């Protein structure tokens, strides 16, 4: 009887090991890690980063009124504080055009600087504003576009003294909202069951059904204007080249890491061929051939953070933003060759 019991335990362990290995990643490892891990002195989540026109002076924003400043291109960061009284604020977005910058957050807050951030002025927003400020884009001297978490979009051309609405109807509570370089917007609904698009001149948002049975996680734009989406279960899709924003014509589904269930959260192109995707539990993947094949950056796999956002300022300067004060800094194009 004891012999049979021992054999049963042995085969049970073998079976469990086999099940476990089914979930193991078979994505090839990236040979050289191009990212520097920066541990900031905070437990907050990082949400956005932006630089002034010199490319060295930048600002990083996040939850818990988190604000960091760099003067060396992001190699080191210093915490900064603003006098907001007892108000508990999460900063969601920051944007600069030259030395003029903007920060938005929740509950309803808008900050403005004209001197690179040496001085920040709080802009009083109407109590009737639909939703809380969620995104901000600096467009030029005195010019900016602000979007709320309900899909309201406003523009100022006089340094925030006056705002005018660009879209009359809100889209509802959003999970994510992104703006393209030419002023188009795409928003994922809070539950991820549909998405909406808006382009300059439209009076309302245009709703769209999701492309599969999987709920949407995030959507955005590539530099060439194409759209991308991330759905639950690690699914990626890209719109076809030349497709109009309102088109629902998408390429075939892509699974960079099909055998695992790590949630993917964001993506960004470094070059027209090199695409990075980030996710939960330090998950970071790269494709060097526009998404056809993938490699995994296992050097950052032990980073104890979810990697929420990827921002490439240009081909040689980029950041991955995570929770628990984790920031990854791209160290140069030669690292992946």
Protein backbone atom coordinates (compact mmCIF):
# COMPACT_ATOMS: atom_id res chain seq x y z
CA UNK A 1 0.00 0.00 0.00
CA UNK A 2 2.82 2.39 0.92
CA UNK A 3 4.49 1.67 -2.43
CA UNK A 4 1.33 2.51 -4.33
CA UNK A 5 0.92 5.69 -2.30
CA UNK A 6 4.47 6.77 -3.07
CA UNK A 7 3.96 6.11 -6.79
CA UNK A 8 0.69 8.07 -6.71
CA UNK A 9 2.45 11.04 -5.06
CA UNK A 10 5.24 10.84 -7.62
CA UNK A 11 2.90 10.92 -10.61
CA UNK A 12 0.80 13.63 -8.97
CA UNK A 13 3.90 15.82 -8.68
CA UNK A 14 4.80 15.10 -12.31
CA UNK A 15 1.29 16.05 -13.41
CA UNK A 16 1.32 19.26 -11.37
CA UNK A 17 4.72 20.17 -12.78
CA UNK A 18 3.43 19.60 -16.30
CA UNK A 19 0.44 21.84 -15.66
CA UNK A 20 2.73 24.50 -14.21
CA UNK A 21 5.06 24.38 -17.22
CA UNK A 22 2.14 24.89 -19.60
CA UNK A 23 1.95 28.38 -18.12
CA UNK A 24 5.68 29.00 -18.52
CA UNK A 25 6.70 31.58 -21.10
CA UNK A 26 8.33 30.29 -24.27
CA UNK A 27 9.11 33.78 -25.60
CA UNK A 28 12.85 34.14 -26.38
CA UNK A 29 14.87 36.27 -24.00
CA UNK A 30 16.17 39.66 -25.12
CA UNK A 31 19.96 39.33 -25.11
CA UNK A 32 20.73 42.85 -23.84
CA UNK A 33 18.58 44.87 -21.45
CA UNK A 34 18.39 48.53 -22.61
CA UNK A 35 16.57 49.79 -19.50
CA UNK A 36 17.95 51.32 -16.33
CA UNK A 37 15.78 50.66 -13.27
CA UNK A 38 15.29 53.78 -11.15
CA UNK A 39 13.72 53.35 -7.72
CA UNK A 40 12.17 56.66 -6.72
CA UNK A 41 11.68 57.48 -3.01
CA UNK A 42 7.92 56.96 -3.07
CA UNK A 43 5.32 54.20 -3.08
CA UNK A 44 3.13 56.15 -5.52
CA UNK A 45 2.20 55.10 -9.05
CA UNK A 46 3.81 57.05 -11.90
CA UNK A 47 1.39 58.18 -14.62
CA UNK A 48 3.11 60.58 -17.04
CA UNK A 49 6.39 62.28 -17.93
CA UNK A 50 7.25 65.28 -20.11
CA UNK A 51 10.26 67.48 -20.90
CA UNK A 52 10.88 71.09 -21.84
CA UNK A 53 12.44 71.95 -25.20
CA UNK A 54 16.03 71.27 -24.09
CA UNK A 55 15.32 67.56 -23.52
CA UNK A 56 17.17 67.60 -20.19
CA UNK A 57 14.68 69.32 -17.91
CA UNK A 58 11.60 67.21 -17.24
CA UNK A 59 8.76 66.47 -14.86
CA UNK A 60 7.25 63.20 -13.67
CA UNK A 61 3.78 63.02 -12.11
CA UNK A 62 1.77 60.39 -10.28
CA UNK A 63 -0.64 59.50 -7.52
CA UNK A 64 -0.49 60.92 -3.98
CA UNK A 65 0.40 64.43 -5.27
CA UNK A 66 3.66 62.95 -6.56
CA UNK A 67 5.89 65.34 -8.49
CA UNK A 68 9.54 64.77 -9.51
CA UNK A 69 11.93 66.99 -11.46
CA UNK A 70 15.04 66.07 -13.50
CA UNK A 71 17.69 68.30 -15.05
CA UNK A 72 19.86 65.55 -16.53
CA UNK A 73 17.53 63.89 -19.01
CA UNK A 74 15.96 61.58 -16.46
CA UNK A 75 19.10 59.94 -15.06
CA UNK A 76 18.22 61.30 -11.61
CA UNK A 77 15.06 62.78 -10.12
CA UNK A 78 14.32 65.04 -7.18
CA UNK A 79 10.93 65.19 -5.41
CA UNK A 80 9.10 68.50 -5.52
CA UNK A 81 6.13 69.65 -3.46
CA UNK A 82 3.36 72.13 -4.13
CA UNK A 83 1.27 73.94 -1.57
CA UNK A 84 -2.15 72.40 -2.09
CA UNK A 85 -3.20 72.48 1.54
CA UNK A 86 -4.74 69.26 2.82
CA UNK A 87 -6.11 68.32 -0.60
CA UNK A 88 -5.29 64.77 -1.70
CA UNK A 89 -4.56 64.82 -5.42
CA UNK A 90 -3.48 62.36 -8.10
CA UNK A 91 -1.67 63.95 -11.05
CA UNK A 92 -2.64 62.08 -14.23
CA UNK A 93 -0.90 63.99 -17.04
CA UNK A 94 1.82 66.54 -17.75
CA UNK A 95 2.72 68.23 -21.05
CA UNK A 96 5.18 70.89 -22.22
CA UNK A 97 5.61 73.05 -25.31
CA UNK A 98 8.90 74.85 -24.85
CA UNK A 99 9.00 76.25 -21.32
CA UNK A 100 5.23 76.33 -20.97
CA UNK A 101 3.74 73.35 -19.19
CA UNK A 102 0.51 71.97 -17.79
CA UNK A 103 -0.42 69.36 -15.17
CA UNK A 104 -3.93 67.94 -14.62
CA UNK A 105 -5.29 65.67 -11.94
CA UNK A 106 -8.11 64.49 -9.78
CA UNK A 107 -10.02 65.81 -7.97
CA UNK A 108 -10.37 68.63 -10.45
CA UNK A 109 -6.98 70.36 -10.65
CA UNK A 110 -5.07 72.21 -13.38
CA UNK A 111 -1.58 73.66 -12.94
CA UNK A 112 0.19 75.99 -15.40
CA UNK A 113 3.79 77.17 -15.73
CA UNK A 114 5.49 79.47 -18.23
CA UNK A 115 9.04 79.14 -16.87
CA UNK A 116 9.76 75.42 -17.12
CA UNK A 117 8.23 74.65 -13.75
CA UNK A 118 10.10 77.08 -11.53
CA UNK A 119 6.68 78.42 -10.62
CA UNK A 120 3.33 76.65 -10.92
CA UNK A 121 0.00 78.48 -10.86
CA UNK A 122 -3.27 76.74 -10.11
CA UNK A 123 -6.00 77.48 -12.65
CA UNK A 124 -9.48 77.56 -11.14
CA UNK A 125 -11.86 75.28 -13.06
CA UNK A 126 -15.63 75.53 -13.24
CA UNK A 127 -17.60 73.37 -10.83
CA UNK A 128 -19.76 72.48 -13.84
CA UNK A 129 -16.87 70.84 -15.68
CA UNK A 130 -18.05 67.42 -16.89
CA UNK A 131 -15.79 65.02 -15.03
CA UNK A 132 -12.27 65.54 -13.73
CA UNK A 133 -9.28 66.55 -15.89
CA UNK A 134 -7.63 63.39 -17.25
CA UNK A 135 -5.37 64.46 -20.12
CA UNK A 136 -3.60 67.64 -21.21
CA UNK A 137 -1.66 68.51 -24.38
CA UNK A 138 0.46 71.65 -24.68
CA UNK A 139 0.11 72.98 -28.23
CA UNK A 140 2.08 76.25 -28.22
CA UNK A 141 2.26 79.62 -26.49
CA UNK A 142 -0.89 79.88 -24.38
CA UNK A 143 -2.47 76.95 -26.21
CA UNK A 144 -3.55 73.62 -24.75
CA UNK A 145 -6.22 70.94 -25.02
CA UNK A 146 -7.69 69.35 -21.91
CA UNK A 147 -9.81 66.19 -21.77
CA UNK A 148 -11.79 64.89 -18.80
CA UNK A 149 -12.53 61.37 -17.61
CA UNK A 150 -16.03 61.70 -19.10
CA UNK A 151 -14.69 62.57 -22.56
CA UNK A 152 -15.28 66.32 -22.51
CA UNK A 153 -12.62 68.16 -24.55
CA UNK A 154 -11.73 71.84 -24.14
CA UNK A 155 -9.18 74.16 -25.74
CA UNK A 156 -7.58 77.40 -24.61
CA UNK A 157 -5.68 79.85 -26.79
CA UNK A 158 -5.00 82.49 -24.15
CA UNK A 159 -3.17 80.73 -21.35
CA UNK A 160 -6.27 79.26 -19.67
CA UNK A 161 -8.13 82.54 -19.26
CA UNK A 162 -10.88 81.16 -21.47
CA UNK A 163 -11.83 77.66 -22.61
CA UNK A 164 -14.16 76.54 -25.38
CA UNK A 165 -15.67 73.10 -25.80
CA UNK A 166 -14.60 71.05 -28.83
CA UNK A 167 -17.14 68.27 -28.31
CA UNK A 168 -20.64 68.88 -26.99
CA UNK A 169 -21.48 65.40 -25.69
CA UNK A 170 -19.53 63.36 -23.17
CA UNK A 171 -18.64 59.72 -23.85
CA UNK A 172 -19.14 58.41 -20.31
CA UNK A 173 -16.60 57.27 -17.74
CA UNK A 174 -13.40 56.16 -19.48
CA UNK A 175 -10.74 53.61 -18.57
CA UNK A 176 -8.17 55.20 -20.89
CA UNK A 177 -8.13 58.15 -23.27
CA UNK A 178 -5.41 59.09 -25.78
CA UNK A 179 -4.85 61.93 -28.28
CA UNK A 180 -3.14 61.52 -31.65
CA UNK A 181 -0.58 64.05 -32.98
CA UNK A 182 -3.24 65.52 -35.32
CA UNK A 183 -5.88 65.99 -32.61
CA UNK A 184 -7.94 62.80 -32.85
CA UNK A 185 -9.01 61.01 -29.66
CA UNK A 186 -9.76 57.41 -28.76
CA UNK A 187 -11.31 56.34 -25.44
CA UNK A 188 -11.96 52.97 -23.82
CA UNK A 189 -15.08 52.68 -21.68
CA UNK A 190 -14.66 52.06 -17.96
CA UNK A 191 -15.72 48.41 -18.24
CA UNK A 192 -13.81 47.83 -21.48
CA UNK A 193 -16.91 46.68 -23.38
CA UNK A 194 -16.69 49.33 -26.13
CA UNK A 195 -14.54 52.20 -27.35
CA UNK A 196 -15.26 55.63 -28.84
CA UNK A 197 -13.49 57.93 -31.31
CA UNK A 198 -13.56 61.65 -31.95
CA UNK A 199 -11.87 63.84 -34.54
CA UNK A 200 -11.80 67.63 -34.98
CA UNK A 201 -15.06 68.88 -36.42
CA UNK A 202 -17.23 66.12 -34.95
CA UNK A 203 -20.01 67.25 -32.63
CA UNK A 204 -20.20 63.93 -30.78
CA UNK A 205 -18.10 60.88 -30.03
CA UNK A 206 -18.60 57.86 -32.29
CA UNK A 207 -19.06 54.58 -30.35
CA UNK A 208 -17.64 51.26 -31.60
CA UNK A 209 -18.09 47.67 -30.48
CA UNK A 210 -14.95 45.95 -29.26
CA UNK A 211 -13.18 43.76 -31.82
CA UNK A 212 -13.48 40.47 -29.91
CA UNK A 213 -15.18 38.88 -26.93
CA UNK A 214 -12.29 40.02 -24.74
CA UNK A 215 -12.77 43.27 -22.86
CA UNK A 216 -10.56 46.16 -23.90
CA UNK A 217 -7.71 47.20 -21.62
CA UNK A 218 -6.16 50.13 -23.48
CA UNK A 219 -6.06 51.85 -26.88
CA UNK A 220 -3.94 54.52 -28.49
CA UNK A 221 -2.18 55.89 -31.56
CA UNK A 222 1.11 55.24 -33.26
CA UNK A 223 3.13 58.19 -34.60
CA UNK A 224 1.85 57.49 -38.14
CA UNK A 225 -1.79 57.83 -36.96
CA UNK A 226 -2.66 54.12 -36.88
CA UNK A 227 -4.49 52.83 -33.83
CA UNK A 228 -3.60 49.97 -31.52
CA UNK A 229 -5.53 48.11 -28.86
CA UNK A 230 -4.80 45.81 -25.93
CA UNK A 231 -7.50 43.43 -24.72
CA UNK A 232 -7.66 41.08 -21.75
CA UNK A 233 -5.60 37.93 -22.01
CA UNK A 234 -2.64 39.59 -23.74
CA UNK A 235 -4.37 40.26 -27.07
CA UNK A 236 -3.02 42.99 -29.37
CA UNK A 237 -4.49 44.39 -32.59
CA UNK A 238 -3.50 47.14 -35.00
CA UNK A 239 -5.60 49.12 -37.43
CA UNK A 240 -4.73 48.74 -41.08
CA UNK A 241 -2.50 51.38 -42.70
CA UNK A 242 -4.53 54.24 -44.13
CA UNK A 243 -7.76 53.22 -42.37
CA UNK A 244 -9.90 56.14 -41.23
CA UNK A 245 -10.34 56.72 -37.51
CA UNK A 246 -14.00 55.73 -37.61
CA UNK A 247 -13.17 52.54 -39.54
CA UNK A 248 -13.48 49.22 -37.71
CA UNK A 249 -10.99 47.50 -40.01
CA UNK A 250 -8.37 45.78 -37.82
CA UNK A 251 -5.54 43.35 -38.54
CA UNK A 252 -5.49 39.83 -37.13
CA UNK A 253 -5.11 39.25 -33.40
CA UNK A 254 -1.57 39.04 -32.00
CA UNK A 255 -0.54 37.31 -28.76
CA UNK A 256 3.06 38.25 -27.84
CA UNK A 257 3.10 35.76 -24.95
CA UNK A 258 0.26 33.35 -25.60
CA UNK A 259 1.20 30.78 -22.93
CA UNK A 260 0.97 33.19 -20.01
CA UNK A 261 -1.82 35.33 -18.62
CA UNK A 262 0.12 38.40 -17.50
CA UNK A 263 -2.05 41.43 -18.17
CA UNK A 264 -0.66 43.77 -20.84
CA UNK A 265 -1.24 47.46 -20.13
CA UNK A 266 0.47 49.74 -22.68
CA UNK A 267 2.52 49.85 -25.87
CA UNK A 268 4.67 52.28 -27.82
CA UNK A 269 6.95 52.36 -30.87
CA UNK A 270 10.58 53.35 -30.36
CA UNK A 271 11.27 53.22 -34.11
CA UNK A 272 8.99 52.29 -37.04
CA UNK A 273 10.07 48.65 -36.55
CA UNK A 274 10.67 48.39 -32.79
CA UNK A 275 7.57 48.03 -30.61
CA UNK A 276 7.51 47.69 -26.80
CA UNK A 277 4.65 46.34 -24.68
CA UNK A 278 4.45 46.50 -20.88
CA UNK A 279 2.24 44.81 -18.32
CA UNK A 280 1.74 43.57 -14.80
CA UNK A 281 4.45 42.07 -12.58
CA UNK A 282 7.39 43.62 -14.43
CA UNK A 283 6.31 42.20 -17.79
CA UNK A 284 8.12 43.88 -20.70
CA UNK A 285 8.24 42.58 -24.27
CA UNK A 286 9.71 43.91 -27.51
CA UNK A 287 9.20 43.22 -31.20
CA UNK A 288 11.94 44.29 -33.62
CA UNK A 289 9.84 43.51 -36.71
CA UNK A 290 6.60 45.47 -36.21
CA UNK A 291 4.90 42.84 -34.06
CA UNK A 292 5.61 39.70 -36.07
CA UNK A 293 7.94 38.10 -33.50
CA UNK A 294 8.58 38.92 -29.86
CA UNK A 295 11.30 38.80 -27.21
CA UNK A 296 10.98 39.18 -23.46
CA UNK A 297 13.16 41.48 -21.37
CA UNK A 298 13.67 39.16 -18.40
CA UNK A 299 16.24 41.47 -16.83
CA UNK A 300 13.38 43.60 -15.48
CA UNK A 301 11.08 40.68 -14.72
CA UNK A 302 12.00 40.82 -11.04
CA UNK A 303 11.01 44.48 -10.74
CA UNK A 304 8.22 44.49 -8.12
CA UNK A 305 5.84 46.71 -10.05
CA UNK A 306 3.12 46.84 -12.64
CA UNK A 307 4.39 48.75 -15.68
CA UNK A 308 1.54 51.07 -16.62
CA UNK A 309 2.87 53.43 -19.26
CA UNK A 310 5.55 53.57 -21.98
CA UNK A 311 6.68 56.99 -23.24
CA UNK A 312 9.28 57.47 -25.99
CA UNK A 313 10.24 61.11 -26.46
CA UNK A 314 12.30 60.06 -29.49
CA UNK A 315 14.22 56.97 -30.60
CA UNK A 316 16.93 57.48 -27.99
CA UNK A 317 14.94 58.69 -24.99
CA UNK A 318 12.14 56.76 -23.34
CA UNK A 319 10.63 55.74 -20.01
CA UNK A 320 8.43 53.01 -18.61
CA UNK A 321 6.30 54.15 -15.67
CA UNK A 322 5.20 51.78 -12.92
CA UNK A 323 3.71 51.67 -9.47
CA UNK A 324 5.62 51.61 -6.14
CA UNK A 325 7.89 54.41 -7.38
CA UNK A 326 9.41 52.32 -10.19
CA UNK A 327 10.71 54.06 -13.31
CA UNK A 328 12.64 52.49 -16.21
CA UNK A 329 14.86 54.73 -18.34
CA UNK A 330 15.94 53.77 -21.87
CA UNK A 331 19.73 53.85 -22.11
CA UNK A 332 20.37 54.04 -25.85
CA UNK A 333 19.62 52.56 -29.23
CA UNK A 334 22.76 50.38 -29.23
CA UNK A 335 21.41 48.31 -26.33
CA UNK A 336 19.11 46.19 -28.48
CA UNK A 337 21.40 45.61 -31.44
